[in-house]
PDB file of N, CA and C in Angstrom:
ATOM      1  N   MET A   1       0.843  -1.157   0.000  1.00  0.00           N
ATOM      2  CA  MET A   1       0.000   0.000   0.000  1.00  0.00           C
ATOM      3  C   MET A   1       0.895   1.228   0.000  1.00  0.00           C
ATOM      4  N   ALA A   2       0.542   2.192  -0.825  1.00  0.00           N
ATOM      5  CA  ALA A   2       1.322   3.416  -0.909  1.00  0.00           C
ATOM      6  C   ALA A   2       1.111   4.254   0.347  1.00  0.00           C
ATOM      7  N   ARG A   3       2.132   4.977   0.706  1.00  0.00           N
ATOM      8  CA  ARG A   3       2.043   5.825   1.885  1.00  0.00           C
ATOM      9  C   ARG A   3       1.385   7.142   1.491  1.00  0.00           C
ATOM     10  N   VAL A   4       0.309   7.484   2.149  1.00  0.00           N
ATOM     11  CA  VAL A   4      -0.450   8.680   1.817  1.00  0.00           C
ATOM     12  C   VAL A   4      -0.142   9.754   2.846  1.00  0.00           C
ATOM     13  N   THR A   5       0.240  10.931   2.358  1.00  0.00           N
ATOM     14  CA  THR A   5       0.536  12.022   3.279  1.00  0.00           C
ATOM     15  C   THR A   5      -0.502  13.133   3.198  1.00  0.00           C
ATOM     16  N   ARG A   6      -1.177  13.249   2.062  1.00  0.00           N
ATOM     17  CA  ARG A   6      -2.160  14.317   1.912  1.00  0.00           C
ATOM     18  C   ARG A   6      -3.405  13.808   1.187  1.00  0.00           C
ATOM     19  N   VAL A   7      -4.529  14.332   1.606  1.00  0.00           N
ATOM     20  CA  VAL A   7      -5.792  14.057   0.924  1.00  0.00           C
ATOM     21  C   VAL A   7      -6.407  15.406   0.596  1.00  0.00           C
ATOM     22  N   ARG A   8      -6.800  15.583  -0.636  1.00  0.00           N
ATOM     23  CA  ARG A   8      -7.321  16.879  -1.057  1.00  0.00           C
ATOM     24  C   ARG A   8      -8.760  16.734  -1.503  1.00  0.00           C
ATOM     25  N   VAL A   9      -9.646  17.553  -0.905  1.00  0.00           N
ATOM     26  CA  VAL A   9     -11.048  17.585  -1.279  1.00  0.00           C
ATOM     27  C   VAL A   9     -11.398  19.030  -1.583  1.00  0.00           C
ATOM     28  N   GLU A  10     -11.896  19.289  -2.773  1.00  0.00           N
ATOM     29  CA  GLU A  10     -12.230  20.653  -3.159  1.00  0.00           C
ATOM     30  C   GLU A  10     -13.715  20.764  -3.468  1.00  0.00           C
ATOM     31  N   GLN A  11     -14.247  21.910  -3.121  1.00  0.00           N
ATOM     32  CA  GLN A  11     -15.633  22.201  -3.472  1.00  0.00           C
ATOM     33  C   GLN A  11     -15.755  23.704  -3.627  1.00  0.00           C
ATOM     34  N   LYS A  12     -16.460  24.141  -4.652  1.00  0.00           N
ATOM     35  CA  LYS A  12     -16.609  25.573  -4.902  1.00  0.00           C
ATOM     36  C   LYS A  12     -17.584  26.176  -3.902  1.00  0.00           C
ATOM     37  N   PHE A  13     -17.272  27.384  -3.461  1.00  0.00           N
ATOM     38  CA  PHE A  13     -18.120  28.101  -2.513  1.00  0.00           C
ATOM     39  C   PHE A  13     -18.736  29.281  -3.236  1.00  0.00           C
ATOM     40  N   ASP A  14     -20.067  29.350  -3.228  1.00  0.00           N
ATOM     41  CA  ASP A  14     -20.739  30.434  -3.937  1.00  0.00           C
ATOM     42  C   ASP A  14     -21.340  31.486  -2.990  1.00  0.00           C
ATOM     43  N   GLY A  15     -21.096  31.367  -1.678  1.00  0.00           N
ATOM     44  CA  GLY A  15     -21.575  32.366  -0.728  1.00  0.00           C
ATOM     45  C   GLY A  15     -23.078  32.346  -0.542  1.00  0.00           C
ATOM     46  N   GLY A  16     -23.655  31.187  -0.365  1.00  0.00           N
ATOM     47  CA  GLY A  16     -25.097  31.047  -0.209  1.00  0.00           C
ATOM     48  C   GLY A  16     -25.544  31.283   1.219  1.00  0.00           C
ATOM     49  N   SER A  17     -26.708  30.752   1.567  1.00  0.00           N
ATOM     50  CA  SER A  17     -27.264  30.928   2.908  1.00  0.00           C
ATOM     51  C   SER A  17     -26.580  29.999   3.905  1.00  0.00           C
ATOM     52  N   LYS A  18     -26.990  30.108   5.175  1.00  0.00           N
ATOM     53  CA  LYS A  18     -26.407  29.268   6.224  1.00  0.00           C
ATOM     54  C   LYS A  18     -26.720  27.798   5.959  1.00  0.00           C
ATOM     55  N   TYR A  19     -27.939  27.531   5.457  1.00  0.00           N
ATOM     56  CA  TYR A  19     -28.323  26.159   5.139  1.00  0.00           C
ATOM     57  C   TYR A  19     -27.392  25.584   4.079  1.00  0.00           C
ATOM     58  N   ASP A  20     -27.103  26.383   3.063  1.00  0.00           N
ATOM     59  CA  ASP A  20     -26.205  25.922   2.005  1.00  0.00           C
ATOM     60  C   ASP A  20     -24.807  25.660   2.549  1.00  0.00           C
ATOM     61  N   ASP A  21     -24.368  26.518   3.497  1.00  0.00           N
ATOM     62  CA  ASP A  21     -23.049  26.329   4.088  1.00  0.00           C
ATOM     63  C   ASP A  21     -22.982  25.008   4.848  1.00  0.00           C
ATOM     64  N   GLU A  22     -24.014  24.704   5.630  1.00  0.00           N
ATOM     65  CA  GLU A  22     -24.046  23.453   6.379  1.00  0.00           C
ATOM     66  C   GLU A  22     -24.082  22.258   5.437  1.00  0.00           C
ATOM     67  N   LYS A  23     -24.878  22.394   4.376  1.00  0.00           N
ATOM     68  CA  LYS A  23     -24.977  21.314   3.401  1.00  0.00           C
ATOM     69  C   LYS A  23     -23.636  21.106   2.699  1.00  0.00           C
ATOM     70  N   ALA A  24     -22.971  22.213   2.357  1.00  0.00           N
ATOM     71  CA  ALA A  24     -21.673  22.119   1.699  1.00  0.00           C
ATOM     72  C   ALA A  24     -20.652  21.483   2.637  1.00  0.00           C
ATOM     73  N   PHE A  25     -20.684  21.871   3.907  1.00  0.00           N
ATOM     74  CA  PHE A  25     -19.743  21.299   4.866  1.00  0.00           C
ATOM     75  C   PHE A  25     -19.963  19.802   5.019  1.00  0.00           C
ATOM     76  N   LYS A  26     -21.221  19.400   5.129  1.00  0.00           N
ATOM     77  CA  LYS A  26     -21.524  17.971   5.289  1.00  0.00           C
ATOM     78  C   LYS A  26     -21.062  17.179   4.074  1.00  0.00           C
ATOM     79  N   SER A  27     -21.293  17.733   2.883  1.00  0.00           N
ATOM     80  CA  SER A  27     -20.884  17.011   1.677  1.00  0.00           C
ATOM     81  C   SER A  27     -19.364  16.947   1.572  1.00  0.00           C
ATOM     82  N   MET A  28     -18.677  18.030   1.988  1.00  0.00           N
ATOM     83  CA  MET A  28     -17.216  18.008   1.969  1.00  0.00           C
ATOM     84  C   MET A  28     -16.670  17.015   2.997  1.00  0.00           C
ATOM     85  N   LEU A  29     -17.299  16.955   4.169  1.00  0.00           N
ATOM     86  CA  LEU A  29     -16.871  16.014   5.197  1.00  0.00           C
ATOM     87  C   LEU A  29     -17.058  14.582   4.719  1.00  0.00           C
ATOM     88  N   LEU A  30     -18.188  14.323   4.078  1.00  0.00           N
ATOM     89  CA  LEU A  30     -18.456  12.988   3.536  1.00  0.00           C
ATOM     90  C   LEU A  30     -17.420  12.622   2.476  1.00  0.00           C
ATOM     91  N   ALA A  31     -17.106  13.601   1.594  1.00  0.00           N
ATOM     92  CA  ALA A  31     -16.110  13.348   0.552  1.00  0.00           C
ATOM     93  C   ALA A  31     -14.739  13.093   1.164  1.00  0.00           C
ATOM     94  N   PHE A  32     -14.416  13.847   2.223  1.00  0.00           N
ATOM     95  CA  PHE A  32     -13.125  13.661   2.897  1.00  0.00           C
ATOM     96  C   PHE A  32     -13.024  12.271   3.515  1.00  0.00           C
ATOM     97  N   ARG A  33     -14.069  11.851   4.195  1.00  0.00           N
ATOM     98  CA  ARG A  33     -14.067  10.518   4.809  1.00  0.00           C
ATOM     99  C   ARG A  33     -13.923   9.430   3.751  1.00  0.00           C
ATOM    100  N   LYS A  34     -14.595   9.611   2.618  1.00  0.00           N
ATOM    101  CA  LYS A  34     -14.523   8.622   1.545  1.00  0.00           C
ATOM    102  C   LYS A  34     -13.109   8.544   0.985  1.00  0.00           C
ATOM    103  N   LYS A  35     -12.480   9.710   0.772  1.00  0.00           N
ATOM    104  CA  LYS A  35     -11.111   9.738   0.255  1.00  0.00           C
ATOM    105  C   LYS A  35     -10.148   9.070   1.247  1.00  0.00           C
ATOM    106  N   CYS A  36     -10.347   9.337   2.536  1.00  0.00           N
ATOM    107  CA  CYS A  36      -9.483   8.733   3.559  1.00  0.00           C
ATOM    108  C   CYS A  36      -9.632   7.223   3.581  1.00  0.00           C
ATOM    109  N   SER A  37     -10.860   6.745   3.483  1.00  0.00           N
ATOM    110  CA  SER A  37     -11.061   5.290   3.517  1.00  0.00           C
ATOM    111  C   SER A  37     -10.503   4.636   2.253  1.00  0.00           C
ATOM    112  N   GLU A  38     -10.640   5.300   1.110  1.00  0.00           N
ATOM    113  CA  GLU A  38     -10.082   4.754  -0.133  1.00  0.00           C
ATOM    114  C   GLU A  38      -8.558   4.701  -0.071  1.00  0.00           C
ATOM    115  N   ALA A  39      -7.962   5.714   0.547  1.00  0.00           N
ATOM    116  CA  ALA A  39      -6.503   5.772   0.633  1.00  0.00           C
ATOM    117  C   ALA A  39      -5.964   4.859   1.726  1.00  0.00           C
ATOM    118  N   GLY A  40      -6.811   4.423   2.644  1.00  0.00           N
ATOM    119  CA  GLY A  40      -6.392   3.522   3.707  1.00  0.00           C
ATOM    120  C   GLY A  40      -5.667   4.218   4.843  1.00  0.00           C
ATOM    121  N   ILE A  41      -5.977   5.485   5.063  1.00  0.00           N
ATOM    122  CA  ILE A  41      -5.288   6.253   6.096  1.00  0.00           C
ATOM    123  C   ILE A  41      -5.626   5.732   7.484  1.00  0.00           C
ATOM    124  N   ALA A  42      -6.879   5.440   7.748  1.00  0.00           N
ATOM    125  CA  ALA A  42      -7.284   4.967   9.076  1.00  0.00           C
ATOM    126  C   ALA A  42      -6.624   3.632   9.404  1.00  0.00           C
ATOM    127  N   GLN A  43      -6.588   2.721   8.436  1.00  0.00           N
ATOM    128  CA  GLN A  43      -5.965   1.429   8.658  1.00  0.00           C
ATOM    129  C   GLN A  43      -4.468   1.592   8.914  1.00  0.00           C
ATOM    130  N   GLN A  44      -3.839   2.496   8.166  1.00  0.00           N
ATOM    131  CA  GLN A  44      -2.413   2.731   8.333  1.00  0.00           C
ATOM    132  C   GLN A  44      -2.135   3.335   9.706  1.00  0.00           C
ATOM    133  N   PHE A  45      -3.007   4.230  10.149  1.00  0.00           N
ATOM    134  CA  PHE A  45      -2.835   4.852  11.461  1.00  0.00           C
ATOM    135  C   PHE A  45      -2.963   3.809  12.565  1.00  0.00           C
ATOM    136  N   LYS A  46      -3.977   2.953  12.472  1.00  0.00           N
ATOM    137  CA  LYS A  46      -4.171   1.923  13.485  1.00  0.00           C
ATOM    138  C   LYS A  46      -2.994   0.948  13.513  1.00  0.00           C
ATOM    139  N   LYS A  47      -2.462   0.647  12.339  1.00  0.00           N
ATOM    140  CA  LYS A  47      -1.343  -0.285  12.247  1.00  0.00           C
ATOM    141  C   LYS A  47      -0.098   0.304  12.917  1.00  0.00           C
ATOM    142  N   ASN A  48       0.112   1.593  12.754  1.00  0.00           N
ATOM    143  CA  ASN A  48       1.305   2.244  13.285  1.00  0.00           C
ATOM    144  C   ASN A  48       1.053   2.955  14.609  1.00  0.00           C
ATOM    145  N   GLU A  49      -0.036   2.639  15.266  1.00  0.00           N
ATOM    146  CA  GLU A  49      -0.388   3.313  16.505  1.00  0.00           C
ATOM    147  C   GLU A  49       0.635   3.041  17.607  1.00  0.00           C
ATOM    148  N   ARG A  50       1.166   1.833  17.640  1.00  0.00           N
ATOM    149  CA  ARG A  50       2.209   1.515  18.614  1.00  0.00           C
ATOM    150  C   ARG A  50       3.229   0.612  17.940  1.00  0.00           C
ATOM    151  N   TYR A  51       4.414   0.590  18.513  1.00  0.00           N
ATOM    152  CA  TYR A  51       5.489  -0.212  17.951  1.00  0.00           C
ATOM    153  C   TYR A  51       5.221  -1.694  18.194  1.00  0.00           C
ATOM    154  N   GLU A  52       5.415  -2.469  17.154  1.00  0.00           N
ATOM    155  CA  GLU A  52       5.245  -3.914  17.253  1.00  0.00           C
ATOM    156  C   GLU A  52       6.614  -4.564  17.036  1.00  0.00           C
ATOM    157  N   LYS A  53       7.061  -5.280  18.042  1.00  0.00           N
ATOM    158  CA  LYS A  53       8.367  -5.926  17.955  1.00  0.00           C
ATOM    159  C   LYS A  53       8.332  -6.995  16.867  1.00  0.00           C
ATOM    160  N   PRO A  54       9.485  -7.302  16.283  1.00  0.00           N
ATOM    161  CA  PRO A  54       9.535  -8.326  15.237  1.00  0.00           C
ATOM    162  C   PRO A  54       8.975  -9.670  15.685  1.00  0.00           C
ATOM    163  N   SER A  55       9.207 -10.028  16.944  1.00  0.00           N
ATOM    164  CA  SER A  55       8.673 -11.307  17.429  1.00  0.00           C
ATOM    165  C   SER A  55       7.139 -11.252  17.491  1.00  0.00           C
ATOM    166  N   GLU A  56       6.580 -10.106  17.879  1.00  0.00           N
ATOM    167  CA  GLU A  56       5.125  -9.954  17.905  1.00  0.00           C
ATOM    168  C   GLU A  56       4.542 -10.048  16.502  1.00  0.00           C
ATOM    169  N   THR A  57       5.257  -9.484  15.531  1.00  0.00           N
ATOM    170  CA  THR A  57       4.805  -9.546  14.140  1.00  0.00           C
ATOM    171  C   THR A  57       4.758 -10.993  13.667  1.00  0.00           C
ATOM    172  N   ARG A  58       5.807 -11.761  13.974  1.00  0.00           N
ATOM    173  CA  ARG A  58       5.839 -13.179  13.585  1.00  0.00           C
ATOM    174  C   ARG A  58       4.689 -13.947  14.218  1.00  0.00           C
ATOM    175  N   HIS A  59       4.457 -13.715  15.513  1.00  0.00           N
ATOM    176  CA  HIS A  59       3.381 -14.426  16.213  1.00  0.00           C
ATOM    177  C   HIS A  59       2.016 -14.057  15.634  1.00  0.00           C
ATOM    178  N   ARG A  60       1.807 -12.773  15.326  1.00  0.00           N
ATOM    179  CA  ARG A  60       0.523 -12.338  14.769  1.00  0.00           C
ATOM    180  C   ARG A  60       0.288 -12.977  13.403  1.00  0.00           C
ATOM    181  N   LYS A  61       1.301 -12.944  12.551  1.00  0.00           N
ATOM    182  CA  LYS A  61       1.156 -13.526  11.217  1.00  0.00           C
ATOM    183  C   LYS A  61       0.917 -15.033  11.296  1.00  0.00           C
ATOM    184  N   ARG A  62       1.581 -15.693  12.240  1.00  0.00           N
ATOM    185  CA  ARG A  62       1.394 -17.137  12.409  1.00  0.00           C
ATOM    186  C   ARG A  62      -0.035 -17.450  12.854  1.00  0.00           C
ATOM    187  N   ARG A  63      -0.545 -16.662  13.816  1.00  0.00           N
ATOM    188  CA  ARG A  63      -1.932 -16.861  14.270  1.00  0.00           C
ATOM    189  C   ARG A  63      -2.916 -16.652  13.134  1.00  0.00           C
ATOM    190  N   GLU A  64      -2.706 -15.577  12.320  1.00  0.00           N
ATOM    191  CA  GLU A  64      -3.591 -15.314  11.191  1.00  0.00           C
ATOM    192  C   GLU A  64      -3.574 -16.472  10.198  1.00  0.00           C
ATOM    193  N   LYS A  65      -2.388 -17.026   9.945  1.00  0.00           N
ATOM    194  CA  LYS A  65      -2.254 -18.140   9.013  1.00  0.00           C
ATOM    195  C   LYS A  65      -2.992 -19.375   9.532  1.00  0.00           C
ATOM    196  N   LEU A  66      -2.821 -19.680  10.820  1.00  0.00           N
ATOM    197  CA  LEU A  66      -3.500 -20.832  11.411  1.00  0.00           C
ATOM    198  C   LEU A  66      -5.009 -20.653  11.406  1.00  0.00           C
ATOM    199  N   LEU A  67      -5.465 -19.443  11.672  1.00  0.00           N
ATOM    200  CA  LEU A  67      -6.897 -19.159  11.657  1.00  0.00           C
ATOM    201  C   LEU A  67      -7.474 -19.343  10.255  1.00  0.00           C
ATOM    202  N   GLU A  68      -6.729 -18.877   9.257  1.00  0.00           N
ATOM    203  CA  GLU A  68      -7.168 -19.025   7.869  1.00  0.00           C
ATOM    204  C   GLU A  68      -7.233 -20.499   7.469  1.00  0.00           C
ATOM    205  N   GLN A  69      -6.232 -21.281   7.897  1.00  0.00           N
ATOM    206  CA  GLN A  69      -6.220 -22.707   7.581  1.00  0.00           C
ATOM    207  C   GLN A  69      -7.377 -23.431   8.250  1.00  0.00           C
ATOM    208  N   SER A  70      -7.696 -23.057   9.488  1.00  0.00           N
ATOM    209  CA  SER A  70      -8.807 -23.711  10.179  1.00  0.00           C
ATOM    210  C   SER A  70     -10.137 -23.374   9.515  1.00  0.00           C
ATOM    211  N   LYS A  71     -10.266 -22.162   8.985  1.00  0.00           N
ATOM    212  CA  LYS A  71     -11.491 -21.793   8.273  1.00  0.00           C
ATOM    213  C   LYS A  71     -11.640 -22.604   6.997  1.00  0.00           C
ATOM    214  N   LYS A  72     -10.524 -22.818   6.287  1.00  0.00           N
ATOM    215  CA  LYS A  72     -10.568 -23.615   5.058  1.00  0.00           C
ATOM    216  C   LYS A  72     -10.951 -25.053   5.361  1.00  0.00           C
ATOM    217  N   LYS A  73     -10.396 -25.617   6.448  1.00  0.00           N
ATOM    218  CA  LYS A  73     -10.733 -26.987   6.831  1.00  0.00           C
ATOM    219  C   LYS A  73     -12.201 -27.101   7.188  1.00  0.00           C
ATOM    220  N   LYS A  74     -12.713 -26.113   7.891  1.00  0.00           N
ATOM    221  CA  LYS A  74     -14.109 -26.126   8.307  1.00  0.00           C
ATOM    222  C   LYS A  74     -15.030 -26.103   7.096  1.00  0.00           C
ATOM    223  N   ASN A  75     -14.663 -25.333   6.075  1.00  0.00           N
ATOM    224  CA  ASN A  75     -15.477 -25.257   4.858  1.00  0.00           C
ATOM    225  C   ASN A  75     -15.422 -26.564   4.062  1.00  0.00           C
ATOM    226  N   LYS A  76     -14.327 -27.301   4.151  1.00  0.00           N
ATOM    227  CA  LYS A  76     -14.190 -28.551   3.412  1.00  0.00           C
ATOM    228  C   LYS A  76     -14.864 -29.717   4.128  1.00  0.00           C
ATOM    229  N   ASN A  77     -15.080 -29.590   5.425  1.00  0.00           N
ATOM    230  CA  ASN A  77     -15.643 -30.671   6.215  1.00  0.00           C
ATOM    231  C   ASN A  77     -17.127 -30.860   5.855  1.00  0.00           C
ATOM    232  N   PRO A  78     -17.536 -32.034   5.340  1.00  0.00           N
ATOM    233  CA  PRO A  78     -18.927 -32.257   4.931  1.00  0.00           C
ATOM    234  C   PRO A  78     -19.889 -32.315   6.114  1.00  0.00           C
ATOM    235  N   ARG A  79     -19.405 -32.647   7.305  1.00  0.00           N
ATOM    236  CA  ARG A  79     -20.288 -32.756   8.464  1.00  0.00           C
ATOM    237  C   ARG A  79     -20.699 -31.368   8.987  1.00  0.00           C
ATOM    238  N   SER A  80     -19.980 -30.339   8.577  1.00  0.00           N
ATOM    239  CA  SER A  80     -20.304 -29.008   9.084  1.00  0.00           C
ATOM    240  C   SER A  80     -21.530 -28.408   8.386  1.00  0.00           C
ATOM    241  N   LYS A  81     -21.968 -29.035   7.286  1.00  0.00           N
ATOM    242  CA  LYS A  81     -23.157 -28.540   6.577  1.00  0.00           C
ATOM    243  C   LYS A  81     -24.413 -28.898   7.358  1.00  0.00           C
ATOM    244  N   LYS A  82     -25.395 -28.041   7.243  1.00  0.00           N
ATOM    245  CA  LYS A  82     -26.654 -28.285   7.958  1.00  0.00           C
ATOM    246  C   LYS A  82     -27.429 -29.415   7.286  1.00  0.00           C
ATOM    247  N   ARG A  83     -28.009 -30.253   8.125  1.00  0.00           N
ATOM    248  CA  ARG A  83     -28.815 -31.345   7.590  1.00  0.00           C
ATOM    249  C   ARG A  83     -30.277 -30.930   7.497  1.00  0.00           C
ATOM    250  N   LYS A  84     -30.950 -31.435   6.505  1.00  0.00           N
ATOM    251  CA  LYS A  84     -32.372 -31.079   6.321  1.00  0.00           C
ATOM    252  C   LYS A  84     -33.279 -32.159   6.856  1.00  0.00           C
TER     253      LYS A  84
END
């Protein structure tokens, strides 16, 4: 994933009423949130929120791999299907 440092959201301001200003702000906020989620900024922030030692990284990846393998086995097991 590319490292994102800036997100730019632009909207023209025509100097309307207070209602228009609130509506414009809400639409800009929505656009900003969408751009952030597309860029993966929140996920990147959560990932880098605290330092993870190399041993912790290995253990986490190993657990994820084992969990994925157990899910695959469960899907292949014919007894796990519901009986009618």
